C-alpha atoms as a PDB file:
ATOM      1  CA  MET A   1      51.490  42.448  10.774  1.00  0.00           C
ATOM      2  CA  SER A   2      52.509  43.381  14.277  1.00  0.00           C
ATOM      3  CA  GLU A   3      52.672  41.149  17.193  1.00  0.00           C
ATOM      4  CA  GLU A   4      51.587  42.215  20.740  1.00  0.00           C
ATOM      5  CA  ILE A   5      53.149  40.281  23.852  1.00  0.00           C
ATOM      6  CA  ARG A   6      51.288  40.078  26.799  1.00  0.00           C
ATOM      7  CA  ALA A   7      52.166  39.569  30.747  1.00  0.00           C
ATOM      8  CA  GLU A   8      51.585  35.555  31.719  1.00  0.00           C
ATOM      9  CA  MET A   9      51.146  36.606  35.023  1.00  0.00           C
ATOM     10  CA  VAL A  10      51.458  39.367  37.608  1.00  0.00           C
ATOM     11  CA  ALA A  11      54.873  40.244  38.476  1.00  0.00           C
ATOM     12  CA  ASN A  12      57.630  42.793  38.672  1.00  0.00           C
ATOM     13  CA  VAL A  13      59.031  44.405  35.390  1.00  0.00           C
ATOM     14  CA  TRP A  14      63.195  43.819  36.826  1.00  0.00           C
ATOM     15  CA  LYS A  15      64.578  44.917  34.047  1.00  0.00           C
ATOM     16  CA  VAL A  16      63.688  46.087  30.798  1.00  0.00           C
ATOM     17  CA  VAL A  17      66.282  44.295  27.985  1.00  0.00           C
ATOM     18  CA  ALA A  18      64.708  45.879  24.153  1.00  0.00           C
ATOM     19  CA  GLY A  19      64.153  49.321  23.484  1.00  0.00           C
ATOM     20  CA  VAL A  20      61.729  51.056  20.911  1.00  0.00           C
ATOM     21  CA  GLY A  21      63.973  50.739  17.673  1.00  0.00           C
ATOM     22  CA  ASP A  22      65.777  47.463  18.591  1.00  0.00           C
ATOM     23  CA  THR A  23      65.360  44.906  15.869  1.00  0.00           C
ATOM     24  CA  VAL A  24      64.542  41.041  18.002  1.00  0.00           C
ATOM     25  CA  ALA A  25      64.429  38.049  16.540  1.00  0.00           C
ATOM     26  CA  GLU A  26      62.155  35.268  17.439  1.00  0.00           C
ATOM     27  CA  GLY A  27      63.210  33.948  21.306  1.00  0.00           C
ATOM     28  CA  ASP A  28      65.357  37.198  21.726  1.00  0.00           C
ATOM     29  CA  THR A  29      64.455  38.853  25.138  1.00  0.00           C
ATOM     30  CA  LEU A  30      62.347  41.820  25.386  1.00  0.00           C
ATOM     31  CA  VAL A  31      62.331  42.370  29.206  1.00  0.00           C
ATOM     32  CA  ILE A  32      62.472  40.127  32.305  1.00  0.00           C
ATOM     33  CA  LEU A  33      59.920  39.960  34.881  1.00  0.00           C
ATOM     34  CA  GLU A  34      60.251  39.136  38.267  1.00  0.00           C
ATOM     35  CA  SER A  35      57.654  37.559  40.689  1.00  0.00           C
ATOM     36  CA  MET A  36      58.172  34.972  44.137  1.00  0.00           C
ATOM     37  CA  LYS A  37      62.075  35.753  43.940  1.00  0.00           C
ATOM     38  CA  MET A  38      62.029  34.287  40.585  1.00  0.00           C
ATOM     39  CA  GLU A  39      63.374  36.137  37.193  1.00  0.00           C
ATOM     40  CA  ILE A  40      61.093  34.787  34.475  1.00  0.00           C
ATOM     41  CA  PRO A  41      62.243  36.545  30.658  1.00  0.00           C
ATOM     42  CA  VAL A  42      59.590  37.572  28.236  1.00  0.00           C
ATOM     43  CA  LEU A  43      60.339  36.485  24.848  1.00  0.00           C
ATOM     44  CA  ALA A  44      59.724  37.700  20.981  1.00  0.00           C
ATOM     45  CA  GLU A  45      56.854  35.980  19.505  1.00  0.00           C
ATOM     46  CA  ALA A  46      58.459  36.877  15.747  1.00  0.00           C
ATOM     47  CA  GLY A  47      61.390  38.133  14.677  1.00  0.00           C
ATOM     48  CA  GLY A  48      60.722  42.220  13.981  1.00  0.00           C
ATOM     49  CA  THR A  49      61.341  45.792  15.121  1.00  0.00           C
ATOM     50  CA  VAL A  50      60.451  46.718  18.589  1.00  0.00           C
ATOM     51  CA  GLY A  51      57.765  49.516  18.333  1.00  0.00           C
ATOM     52  CA  GLU A  52      55.920  49.929  21.288  1.00  0.00           C
ATOM     53  CA  LEU A  53      57.081  49.212  24.573  1.00  0.00           C
ATOM     54  CA  ALA A  54      54.209  49.444  27.187  1.00  0.00           C
ATOM     55  CA  VAL A  55      56.303  48.972  30.571  1.00  0.00           C
ATOM     56  CA  ASN A  56      59.335  50.641  32.384  1.00  0.00           C
ATOM     57  CA  GLU A  57      61.606  48.925  34.549  1.00  0.00           C
ATOM     58  CA  GLY A  58      59.938  48.697  38.288  1.00  0.00           C
ATOM     59  CA  ASP A  59      56.626  48.725  37.237  1.00  0.00           C
ATOM     60  CA  VAL A  60      53.968  46.538  38.087  1.00  0.00           C
ATOM     61  CA  VAL A  61      51.750  44.192  35.325  1.00  0.00           C
ATOM     62  CA  GLN A  62      48.883  42.199  35.798  1.00  0.00           C
ATOM     63  CA  GLU A  63      47.857  39.116  34.059  1.00  0.00           C
ATOM     64  CA  GLY A  64      47.086  39.953  29.910  1.00  0.00           C
ATOM     65  CA  ASP A  65      48.986  43.628  30.482  1.00  0.00           C
ATOM     66  CA  LEU A  66      50.570  44.545  27.151  1.00  0.00           C
ATOM     67  CA  ILE A  67      54.520  44.555  26.980  1.00  0.00           C
ATOM     68  CA  ALA A  68      55.612  44.734  23.825  1.00  0.00           C
ATOM     69  CA  VAL A  69      54.519  45.518  20.052  1.00  0.00           C
ATOM     70  CA  ILE A  70      56.854  44.004  17.420  1.00  0.00           C
ATOM     71  CA  ASP A  71      56.612  45.128  14.379  1.00  0.00           C
END
């Protein structure tokens, strides 16, 4: 079963940490968002393999936008 990771707020994608095909554990950082000069890590909610990464560094995400899919 796949787990979709979505943005919780409007923010800029400051850094992409994980890539497609990477194995991640629950709690690993996938990307780091920046909002109001604060860095907000987006964490894997389950362990698995990053099957899709829907953002790139410099992108702007809106609340609810897809960031990644963990397979």
